[in-house]
């Protein structure tokens, strides 16, 4: 199972880590930490050195209830960062976390390699056709509503079946627009309460009916720290535990704040599989 990133085939039969680089002031865990070029480059170098295959840059906070920002503001935040990273790390594979087609287009033109869309095209009718024209890998996530409304949209009759139906429709739409490399993200924490998040993780292998790589974004999320009655800053051990389960259920990409620990998970799970 491979995806083509800027002419290089990335083999996802061995799971990979995607390091998170938030350039928003209000992300739930690391918002506002990376304010200048030195901090951004230092954190990126750290994640690459620790083994990240991808660096995922987000300039629009998608935490529940986050403030909406304009397209112009998102563009102003993210494009200089892509340019900065490509200048320092020419071989870097930058993933751009955006639901806006114009941001996607401009980001790829600036040197990004793939698009990570929390809405799978639902928040911008031009996104899927734009990605198809760009001929790049596309991460599509399951979510209902918007970051501002999703907390109130966690009603499901059958969570897993509804997520699978959603992806069946979205994958078909993407294929019609010529998107070859698709990764599905079930959207832990997006329009799902804590109980539903654990139900999703418990049944994650049922998403393999699409025969596509799965990305799991569990890092320091509320399903962990609310269950453990702690805070995001103390949720690394819980993240590692749930990442291990996700890997055992066939996850191909772990999207994480803490790359070193994710790579250790991947290394240990791989050792189980070869022994």
C-alpha atoms as a PDB file:
ATOM      1  CA  UNK A   1       0.000   0.000   0.000  1.00  0.00           C
ATOM      2  CA  UNK A   2       1.770   3.121  -1.242  1.00  0.00           C
ATOM      3  CA  UNK A   3       1.028   6.796  -1.877  1.00  0.00           C
ATOM      4  CA  UNK A   4       2.852   9.074  -4.302  1.00  0.00           C
ATOM      5  CA  UNK A   5       4.220  12.209  -2.639  1.00  0.00           C
ATOM      6  CA  UNK A   6       6.022  14.535  -5.052  1.00  0.00           C
ATOM      7  CA  UNK A   7       7.251  11.609  -7.110  1.00  0.00           C
ATOM      8  CA  UNK A   8       8.355   9.445  -4.170  1.00  0.00           C
ATOM      9  CA  UNK A   9       6.409   6.319  -3.285  1.00  0.00           C
ATOM     10  CA  UNK A  10       5.727   6.116   0.450  1.00  0.00           C
ATOM     11  CA  UNK A  11       5.118   2.551   1.604  1.00  0.00           C
ATOM     12  CA  UNK A  12       2.360   2.537   4.214  1.00  0.00           C
ATOM     13  CA  UNK A  13       2.483  -1.207   4.775  1.00  0.00           C
ATOM     14  CA  UNK A  14       4.880  -0.158   7.531  1.00  0.00           C
ATOM     15  CA  UNK A  15       3.059   2.475   9.641  1.00  0.00           C
ATOM     16  CA  UNK A  16       4.348   6.032   9.577  1.00  0.00           C
ATOM     17  CA  UNK A  17       4.246   8.993  11.977  1.00  0.00           C
ATOM     18  CA  UNK A  18       2.880  12.388  11.021  1.00  0.00           C
ATOM     19  CA  UNK A  19       4.151  15.157  13.282  1.00  0.00           C
ATOM     20  CA  UNK A  20       1.775  17.985  14.137  1.00  0.00           C
ATOM     21  CA  UNK A  21       2.933  21.578  13.727  1.00  0.00           C
ATOM     22  CA  UNK A  22       0.160  23.959  14.742  1.00  0.00           C
ATOM     23  CA  UNK A  23       0.696  27.585  13.775  1.00  0.00           C
ATOM     24  CA  UNK A  24      -2.542  28.670  15.427  1.00  0.00           C
ATOM     25  CA  UNK A  25      -2.733  30.611  18.698  1.00  0.00           C
ATOM     26  CA  UNK A  26      -5.653  28.527  20.029  1.00  0.00           C
ATOM     27  CA  UNK A  27      -5.009  24.833  19.405  1.00  0.00           C
ATOM     28  CA  UNK A  28      -6.176  22.688  22.346  1.00  0.00           C
ATOM     29  CA  UNK A  29      -2.672  21.466  23.235  1.00  0.00           C
ATOM     30  CA  UNK A  30       0.184  23.381  21.588  1.00  0.00           C
ATOM     31  CA  UNK A  31      -1.482  26.565  20.379  1.00  0.00           C
ATOM     32  CA  UNK A  32       0.854  29.550  20.343  1.00  0.00           C
ATOM     33  CA  UNK A  33       4.004  27.561  21.137  1.00  0.00           C
ATOM     34  CA  UNK A  34       5.662  28.100  17.759  1.00  0.00           C
ATOM     35  CA  UNK A  35       5.692  31.862  17.235  1.00  0.00           C
ATOM     36  CA  UNK A  36       8.912  32.558  15.389  1.00  0.00           C
ATOM     37  CA  UNK A  37      11.116  30.967  12.764  1.00  0.00           C
ATOM     38  CA  UNK A  38      13.584  29.522  15.262  1.00  0.00           C
ATOM     39  CA  UNK A  39      10.869  27.739  17.264  1.00  0.00           C
ATOM     40  CA  UNK A  40       9.165  26.451  14.118  1.00  0.00           C
ATOM     41  CA  UNK A  41      12.402  25.142  12.602  1.00  0.00           C
ATOM     42  CA  UNK A  42      13.586  23.635  15.897  1.00  0.00           C
ATOM     43  CA  UNK A  43      10.333  21.749  16.455  1.00  0.00           C
ATOM     44  CA  UNK A  44      10.236  20.544  12.865  1.00  0.00           C
ATOM     45  CA  UNK A  45      13.849  19.364  13.008  1.00  0.00           C
ATOM     46  CA  UNK A  46      13.108  17.556  16.266  1.00  0.00           C
ATOM     47  CA  UNK A  47      10.141  15.711  14.733  1.00  0.00           C
ATOM     48  CA  UNK A  48      12.055  14.797  11.573  1.00  0.00           C
ATOM     49  CA  UNK A  49      15.032  13.571  13.591  1.00  0.00           C
ATOM     50  CA  UNK A  50      12.714  11.452  15.729  1.00  0.00           C
ATOM     51  CA  UNK A  51      11.365   9.757  12.619  1.00  0.00           C
ATOM     52  CA  UNK A  52       8.359  11.678  11.286  1.00  0.00           C
ATOM     53  CA  UNK A  53       7.626  10.899   7.636  1.00  0.00           C
ATOM     54  CA  UNK A  54       5.200  13.802   7.293  1.00  0.00           C
ATOM     55  CA  UNK A  55       4.857  17.189   8.988  1.00  0.00           C
ATOM     56  CA  UNK A  56       1.229  18.330   9.194  1.00  0.00           C
ATOM     57  CA  UNK A  57       0.824  22.106   9.339  1.00  0.00           C
ATOM     58  CA  UNK A  58      -2.432  23.590  10.549  1.00  0.00           C
ATOM     59  CA  UNK A  59      -3.260  27.289  10.524  1.00  0.00           C
ATOM     60  CA  UNK A  60      -6.983  26.967  11.328  1.00  0.00           C
ATOM     61  CA  UNK A  61      -7.783  25.565  14.762  1.00  0.00           C
ATOM     62  CA  UNK A  62     -10.345  22.776  14.524  1.00  0.00           C
ATOM     63  CA  UNK A  63     -10.766  22.208  18.240  1.00  0.00           C
ATOM     64  CA  UNK A  64     -14.425  22.264  19.348  1.00  0.00           C
ATOM     65  CA  UNK A  65     -15.716  25.822  19.493  1.00  0.00           C
ATOM     66  CA  UNK A  66     -12.569  27.377  18.015  1.00  0.00           C
ATOM     67  CA  UNK A  67     -12.818  30.837  16.488  1.00  0.00           C
ATOM     68  CA  UNK A  68     -13.445  31.019  12.760  1.00  0.00           C
ATOM     69  CA  UNK A  69     -10.739  32.829  10.803  1.00  0.00           C
ATOM     70  CA  UNK A  70     -10.806  34.229   7.285  1.00  0.00           C
ATOM     71  CA  UNK A  71      -9.214  32.550   4.298  1.00  0.00           C
ATOM     72  CA  UNK A  72      -6.825  35.475   4.030  1.00  0.00           C
ATOM     73  CA  UNK A  73      -5.691  35.023   7.631  1.00  0.00           C
ATOM     74  CA  UNK A  74      -5.178  31.293   7.124  1.00  0.00           C
ATOM     75  CA  UNK A  75      -3.153  31.978   3.983  1.00  0.00           C
ATOM     76  CA  UNK A  76      -1.058  34.581   5.805  1.00  0.00           C
ATOM     77  CA  UNK A  77      -0.282  32.109   8.574  1.00  0.00           C
ATOM     78  CA  UNK A  78       0.527  29.013   6.552  1.00  0.00           C
ATOM     79  CA  UNK A  79       2.206  29.904   3.245  1.00  0.00           C
ATOM     80  CA  UNK A  80       5.330  31.508   4.774  1.00  0.00           C
ATOM     81  CA  UNK A  81       5.762  28.450   7.015  1.00  0.00           C
ATOM     82  CA  UNK A  82       5.710  26.074   4.040  1.00  0.00           C
ATOM     83  CA  UNK A  83       8.317  28.209   2.277  1.00  0.00           C
ATOM     84  CA  UNK A  84      10.440  28.353   5.445  1.00  0.00           C
ATOM     85  CA  UNK A  85      10.362  24.580   5.956  1.00  0.00           C
ATOM     86  CA  UNK A  86      11.134  23.728   2.318  1.00  0.00           C
ATOM     87  CA  UNK A  87      14.092  26.099   2.329  1.00  0.00           C
ATOM     88  CA  UNK A  88      15.564  24.485   5.454  1.00  0.00           C
ATOM     89  CA  UNK A  89      14.476  20.895   4.751  1.00  0.00           C
ATOM     90  CA  UNK A  90      14.188  20.473   0.941  1.00  0.00           C
ATOM     91  CA  UNK A  91      13.114  16.811   1.162  1.00  0.00           C
ATOM     92  CA  UNK A  92      10.372  17.380   3.729  1.00  0.00           C
ATOM     93  CA  UNK A  93       6.866  16.040   3.022  1.00  0.00           C
ATOM     94  CA  UNK A  94       4.495  18.753   4.206  1.00  0.00           C
ATOM     95  CA  UNK A  95       0.853  17.918   4.803  1.00  0.00           C
ATOM     96  CA  UNK A  96      -1.485  20.918   4.977  1.00  0.00           C
ATOM     97  CA  UNK A  97      -4.446  20.721   7.327  1.00  0.00           C
ATOM     98  CA  UNK A  98      -7.105  22.804   5.575  1.00  0.00           C
ATOM     99  CA  UNK A  99     -10.682  22.518   4.321  1.00  0.00           C
ATOM    100  CA  UNK A 100     -10.321  25.390   1.830  1.00  0.00           C
ATOM    101  CA  UNK A 101      -9.541  24.625  -1.813  1.00  0.00           C
ATOM    102  CA  UNK A 102      -7.693  27.881  -2.444  1.00  0.00           C
ATOM    103  CA  UNK A 103      -5.419  27.273   0.560  1.00  0.00           C
ATOM    104  CA  UNK A 104      -4.840  23.729  -0.710  1.00  0.00           C
ATOM    105  CA  UNK A 105      -3.921  24.971  -4.191  1.00  0.00           C
ATOM    106  CA  UNK A 106      -1.601  27.707  -2.952  1.00  0.00           C
ATOM    107  CA  UNK A 107       0.040  25.343  -0.449  1.00  0.00           C
ATOM    108  CA  UNK A 108       0.826  22.700  -3.060  1.00  0.00           C
ATOM    109  CA  UNK A 109       2.210  25.398  -5.355  1.00  0.00           C
ATOM    110  CA  UNK A 110       4.447  26.470  -2.452  1.00  0.00           C
ATOM    111  CA  UNK A 111       5.826  22.933  -2.138  1.00  0.00           C
ATOM    112  CA  UNK A 112       3.477  20.971   0.142  1.00  0.00           C
ATOM    113  CA  UNK A 113       2.955  17.304  -0.716  1.00  0.00           C
ATOM    114  CA  UNK A 114      -0.537  16.358   0.472  1.00  0.00           C
ATOM    115  CA  UNK A 115      -3.773  17.802   1.834  1.00  0.00           C
ATOM    116  CA  UNK A 116      -5.452  16.839   5.102  1.00  0.00           C
ATOM    117  CA  UNK A 117      -9.106  17.921   5.005  1.00  0.00           C
ATOM    118  CA  UNK A 118     -11.200  17.591   8.190  1.00  0.00           C
ATOM    119  CA  UNK A 119     -14.402  17.962   6.166  1.00  0.00           C
ATOM    120  CA  UNK A 120     -13.697  15.636   3.206  1.00  0.00           C
ATOM    121  CA  UNK A 121     -14.892  18.404   0.902  1.00  0.00           C
ATOM    122  CA  UNK A 122     -18.081  19.232   2.800  1.00  0.00           C
ATOM    123  CA  UNK A 123     -16.958  22.743   3.764  1.00  0.00           C
ATOM    124  CA  UNK A 124     -15.728  23.748   0.305  1.00  0.00           C
ATOM    125  CA  UNK A 125     -17.489  22.396  -2.787  1.00  0.00           C
ATOM    126  CA  UNK A 126     -14.343  22.939  -4.857  1.00  0.00           C
ATOM    127  CA  UNK A 127     -11.950  20.997  -2.635  1.00  0.00           C
ATOM    128  CA  UNK A 128     -12.261  17.527  -4.132  1.00  0.00           C
ATOM    129  CA  UNK A 129     -12.070  18.724  -7.734  1.00  0.00           C
ATOM    130  CA  UNK A 130      -9.078  20.904  -6.832  1.00  0.00           C
ATOM    131  CA  UNK A 131      -7.222  17.985  -5.228  1.00  0.00           C
ATOM    132  CA  UNK A 132      -8.017  15.880  -8.285  1.00  0.00           C
ATOM    133  CA  UNK A 133      -6.481  18.513 -10.558  1.00  0.00           C
ATOM    134  CA  UNK A 134      -3.404  18.769  -8.329  1.00  0.00           C
ATOM    135  CA  UNK A 135      -2.834  14.968  -8.442  1.00  0.00           C
ATOM    136  CA  UNK A 136      -1.807  14.726  -4.802  1.00  0.00           C
ATOM    137  CA  UNK A 137      -2.663  12.420  -1.886  1.00  0.00           C
ATOM    138  CA  UNK A 138      -5.800  13.395   0.008  1.00  0.00           C
ATOM    139  CA  UNK A 139      -6.617  12.670   3.637  1.00  0.00           C
ATOM    140  CA  UNK A 140     -10.372  12.797   4.130  1.00  0.00           C
ATOM    141  CA  UNK A 141     -11.806  12.849   7.636  1.00  0.00           C
ATOM    142  CA  UNK A 142     -15.223  11.980   8.985  1.00  0.00           C
ATOM    143  CA  UNK A 143     -16.927  14.938  10.638  1.00  0.00           C
ATOM    144  CA  UNK A 144     -20.421  16.372  10.877  1.00  0.00           C
ATOM    145  CA  UNK A 145     -21.026  20.108  10.958  1.00  0.00           C
ATOM    146  CA  UNK A 146     -18.154  22.536  11.493  1.00  0.00           C
ATOM    147  CA  UNK A 147     -15.566  22.956  14.271  1.00  0.00           C
ATOM    148  CA  UNK A 148     -17.961  25.485  15.770  1.00  0.00           C
ATOM    149  CA  UNK A 149     -21.035  23.175  15.729  1.00  0.00           C
ATOM    150  CA  UNK A 150     -19.732  19.594  15.793  1.00  0.00           C
ATOM    151  CA  UNK A 151     -20.034  19.082  19.566  1.00  0.00           C
ATOM    152  CA  UNK A 152     -23.821  19.162  19.235  1.00  0.00           C
ATOM    153  CA  UNK A 153     -23.858  16.714  16.318  1.00  0.00           C
ATOM    154  CA  UNK A 154     -22.924  13.432  17.979  1.00  0.00           C
ATOM    155  CA  UNK A 155     -26.198  11.579  17.360  1.00  0.00           C
ATOM    156  CA  UNK A 156     -25.854   8.237  15.560  1.00  0.00           C
ATOM    157  CA  UNK A 157     -28.055   5.184  15.173  1.00  0.00           C
ATOM    158  CA  UNK A 158     -25.085   3.014  14.179  1.00  0.00           C
ATOM    159  CA  UNK A 159     -21.759   4.833  14.459  1.00  0.00           C
ATOM    160  CA  UNK A 160     -19.559   2.440  12.466  1.00  0.00           C
ATOM    161  CA  UNK A 161     -22.063   1.845   9.683  1.00  0.00           C
ATOM    162  CA  UNK A 162     -22.676   5.576   9.296  1.00  0.00           C
ATOM    163  CA  UNK A 163     -18.946   6.299   9.116  1.00  0.00           C
ATOM    164  CA  UNK A 164     -18.461   3.546   6.534  1.00  0.00           C
ATOM    165  CA  UNK A 165     -21.364   4.836   4.444  1.00  0.00           C
ATOM    166  CA  UNK A 166     -19.878   8.355   4.615  1.00  0.00           C
ATOM    167  CA  UNK A 167     -16.515   7.114   3.352  1.00  0.00           C
ATOM    168  CA  UNK A 168     -18.105   4.985   0.625  1.00  0.00           C
ATOM    169  CA  UNK A 169     -19.754   8.094  -0.811  1.00  0.00           C
ATOM    170  CA  UNK A 170     -16.718  10.333  -0.343  1.00  0.00           C
ATOM    171  CA  UNK A 171     -14.258   7.852  -1.843  1.00  0.00           C
ATOM    172  CA  UNK A 172     -16.503   7.386  -4.879  1.00  0.00           C
ATOM    173  CA  UNK A 173     -16.680  11.164  -5.319  1.00  0.00           C
ATOM    174  CA  UNK A 174     -12.907  11.465  -5.013  1.00  0.00           C
ATOM    175  CA  UNK A 175     -12.324   8.706  -7.569  1.00  0.00           C
ATOM    176  CA  UNK A 176     -14.653  10.466 -10.017  1.00  0.00           C
ATOM    177  CA  UNK A 177     -12.377  13.504  -9.782  1.00  0.00           C
ATOM    178  CA  UNK A 178      -9.202  11.527 -10.408  1.00  0.00           C
ATOM    179  CA  UNK A 179      -7.850  11.304  -6.857  1.00  0.00           C
ATOM    180  CA  UNK A 180      -5.705   8.161  -6.762  1.00  0.00           C
ATOM    181  CA  UNK A 181      -4.139   8.296  -3.297  1.00  0.00           C
ATOM    182  CA  UNK A 182      -6.758   8.479  -0.558  1.00  0.00           C
ATOM    183  CA  UNK A 183      -6.261   8.099   3.198  1.00  0.00           C
ATOM    184  CA  UNK A 184      -9.261   7.931   5.507  1.00  0.00           C
ATOM    185  CA  UNK A 185      -9.358   9.453   8.985  1.00  0.00           C
ATOM    186  CA  UNK A 186     -12.326   8.382  11.168  1.00  0.00           C
ATOM    187  CA  UNK A 187     -12.173  11.679  13.044  1.00  0.00           C
ATOM    188  CA  UNK A 188     -11.641  10.901  16.714  1.00  0.00           C
ATOM    189  CA  UNK A 189     -13.166  13.769  18.690  1.00  0.00           C
ATOM    190  CA  UNK A 190     -15.026  15.280  15.738  1.00  0.00           C
ATOM    191  CA  UNK A 191     -18.809  15.096  16.240  1.00  0.00           C
ATOM    192  CA  UNK A 192     -18.233  12.180  18.601  1.00  0.00           C
ATOM    193  CA  UNK A 193     -18.425  12.030  22.389  1.00  0.00           C
ATOM    194  CA  UNK A 194     -16.004  10.123  24.604  1.00  0.00           C
ATOM    195  CA  UNK A 195     -18.037   6.906  24.562  1.00  0.00           C
ATOM    196  CA  UNK A 196     -18.364   7.021  20.785  1.00  0.00           C
ATOM    197  CA  UNK A 197     -14.623   7.614  20.373  1.00  0.00           C
ATOM    198  CA  UNK A 198     -13.873   4.441  22.299  1.00  0.00           C
ATOM    199  CA  UNK A 199     -16.494   2.527  20.316  1.00  0.00           C
ATOM    200  CA  UNK A 200     -14.800   3.732  17.146  1.00  0.00           C
ATOM    201  CA  UNK A 201     -11.356   2.656  18.332  1.00  0.00           C
ATOM    202  CA  UNK A 202     -12.701  -0.715  19.472  1.00  0.00           C
ATOM    203  CA  UNK A 203     -14.104  -1.352  15.978  1.00  0.00           C
ATOM    204  CA  UNK A 204     -11.479   0.444  13.904  1.00  0.00           C
ATOM    205  CA  UNK A 205     -10.663  -2.654  11.853  1.00  0.00           C
ATOM    206  CA  UNK A 206     -14.187  -2.501  10.360  1.00  0.00           C
ATOM    207  CA  UNK A 207     -13.078   0.524   8.330  1.00  0.00           C
ATOM    208  CA  UNK A 208     -10.756  -1.684   6.286  1.00  0.00           C
ATOM    209  CA  UNK A 209     -13.662  -2.530   3.980  1.00  0.00           C
ATOM    210  CA  UNK A 210     -12.527   0.457   1.884  1.00  0.00           C
ATOM    211  CA  UNK A 211      -9.048  -1.053   1.321  1.00  0.00           C
ATOM    212  CA  UNK A 212      -7.468   2.314   2.058  1.00  0.00           C
ATOM    213  CA  UNK A 213      -4.822   3.467   4.545  1.00  0.00           C
ATOM    214  CA  UNK A 214      -6.248   4.695   7.841  1.00  0.00           C
ATOM    215  CA  UNK A 215      -4.910   7.702   9.732  1.00  0.00           C
ATOM    216  CA  UNK A 216      -5.586   7.880  13.478  1.00  0.00           C
ATOM    217  CA  UNK A 217      -5.438  11.226  15.243  1.00  0.00           C
ATOM    218  CA  UNK A 218      -5.648  10.332  18.923  1.00  0.00           C
ATOM    219  CA  UNK A 219      -2.835  12.471  20.247  1.00  0.00           C
ATOM    220  CA  UNK A 220      -3.644  14.003  23.653  1.00  0.00           C
ATOM    221  CA  UNK A 221      -7.356  14.238  22.826  1.00  0.00           C
ATOM    222  CA  UNK A 222     -10.183  14.680  25.306  1.00  0.00           C
ATOM    223  CA  UNK A 223     -11.212  11.018  25.146  1.00  0.00           C
ATOM    224  CA  UNK A 224      -7.905  10.383  26.930  1.00  0.00           C
ATOM    225  CA  UNK A 225      -7.623  13.171  29.455  1.00  0.00           C
ATOM    226  CA  UNK A 226     -11.324  13.244  30.353  1.00  0.00           C
ATOM    227  CA  UNK A 227     -11.303   9.492  30.971  1.00  0.00           C
ATOM    228  CA  UNK A 228      -8.166   9.800  33.101  1.00  0.00           C
ATOM    229  CA  UNK A 229      -9.364  13.012  34.800  1.00  0.00           C
ATOM    230  CA  UNK A 230      -6.250  14.912  33.806  1.00  0.00           C
ATOM    231  CA  UNK A 231      -5.158  17.531  31.225  1.00  0.00           C
ATOM    232  CA  UNK A 232      -3.753  17.382  27.668  1.00  0.00           C
ATOM    233  CA  UNK A 233      -0.244  18.018  28.993  1.00  0.00           C
ATOM    234  CA  UNK A 234      -0.469  14.819  31.057  1.00  0.00           C
ATOM    235  CA  UNK A 235      -1.991  12.686  28.307  1.00  0.00           C
ATOM    236  CA  UNK A 236       1.128  11.294  26.622  1.00  0.00           C
ATOM    237  CA  UNK A 237       1.002   7.890  28.299  1.00  0.00           C
ATOM    238  CA  UNK A 238      -2.676   7.547  27.418  1.00  0.00           C
ATOM    239  CA  UNK A 239      -1.908   8.590  23.843  1.00  0.00           C
ATOM    240  CA  UNK A 240       0.747   5.907  23.572  1.00  0.00           C
ATOM    241  CA  UNK A 241      -1.674   3.278  24.873  1.00  0.00           C
ATOM    242  CA  UNK A 242      -4.370   4.159  22.352  1.00  0.00           C
ATOM    243  CA  UNK A 243      -1.878   4.518  19.493  1.00  0.00           C
ATOM    244  CA  UNK A 244      -0.757   0.959  20.213  1.00  0.00           C
ATOM    245  CA  UNK A 245      -4.346  -0.272  19.911  1.00  0.00           C
ATOM    246  CA  UNK A 246      -4.814   1.693  16.683  1.00  0.00           C
ATOM    247  CA  UNK A 247      -1.694   0.096  15.208  1.00  0.00           C
ATOM    248  CA  UNK A 248      -2.839  -3.390  16.175  1.00  0.00           C
ATOM    249  CA  UNK A 249      -6.083  -2.663  14.343  1.00  0.00           C
ATOM    250  CA  UNK A 250      -4.257  -1.772  11.148  1.00  0.00           C
ATOM    251  CA  UNK A 251      -3.662   1.981  11.272  1.00  0.00           C
ATOM    252  CA  UNK A 252      -1.149   3.177   8.677  1.00  0.00           C
ATOM    253  CA  UNK A 253      -0.430   6.709   9.934  1.00  0.00           C
ATOM    254  CA  UNK A 254      -0.322   8.062  13.485  1.00  0.00           C
ATOM    255  CA  UNK A 255      -0.866  11.829  13.591  1.00  0.00           C
ATOM    256  CA  UNK A 256       0.883  12.923  16.776  1.00  0.00           C
ATOM    257  CA  UNK A 257       2.369  15.747  18.801  1.00  0.00           C
ATOM    258  CA  UNK A 258       5.042  13.382  20.204  1.00  0.00           C
ATOM    259  CA  UNK A 259       6.900  11.675  17.377  1.00  0.00           C
ATOM    260  CA  UNK A 260       9.528   9.791  19.392  1.00  0.00           C
ATOM    261  CA  UNK A 261       6.939   7.874  21.382  1.00  0.00           C
ATOM    262  CA  UNK A 262       4.863   7.130  18.279  1.00  0.00           C
ATOM    263  CA  UNK A 263       7.902   5.726  16.469  1.00  0.00           C
ATOM    264  CA  UNK A 264       8.652   3.540  19.495  1.00  0.00           C
ATOM    265  CA  UNK A 265       5.085   2.182  19.293  1.00  0.00           C
ATOM    266  CA  UNK A 266       5.497   1.457  15.602  1.00  0.00           C
ATOM    267  CA  UNK A 267       8.877  -0.231  16.119  1.00  0.00           C
ATOM    268  CA  UNK A 268       7.559  -2.507  18.865  1.00  0.00           C
ATOM    269  CA  UNK A 269       4.406  -3.472  16.950  1.00  0.00           C
ATOM    270  CA  UNK A 270       6.514  -4.229  13.877  1.00  0.00           C
ATOM    271  CA  UNK A 271       8.700  -6.503  15.992  1.00  0.00           C
ATOM    272  CA  UNK A 272       5.623  -8.453  17.078  1.00  0.00           C
ATOM    273  CA  UNK A 273       4.576  -8.863  13.452  1.00  0.00           C
ATOM    274  CA  UNK A 274       7.930 -10.200  12.244  1.00  0.00           C
ATOM    275  CA  UNK A 275       8.627 -12.505  15.170  1.00  0.00           C
END
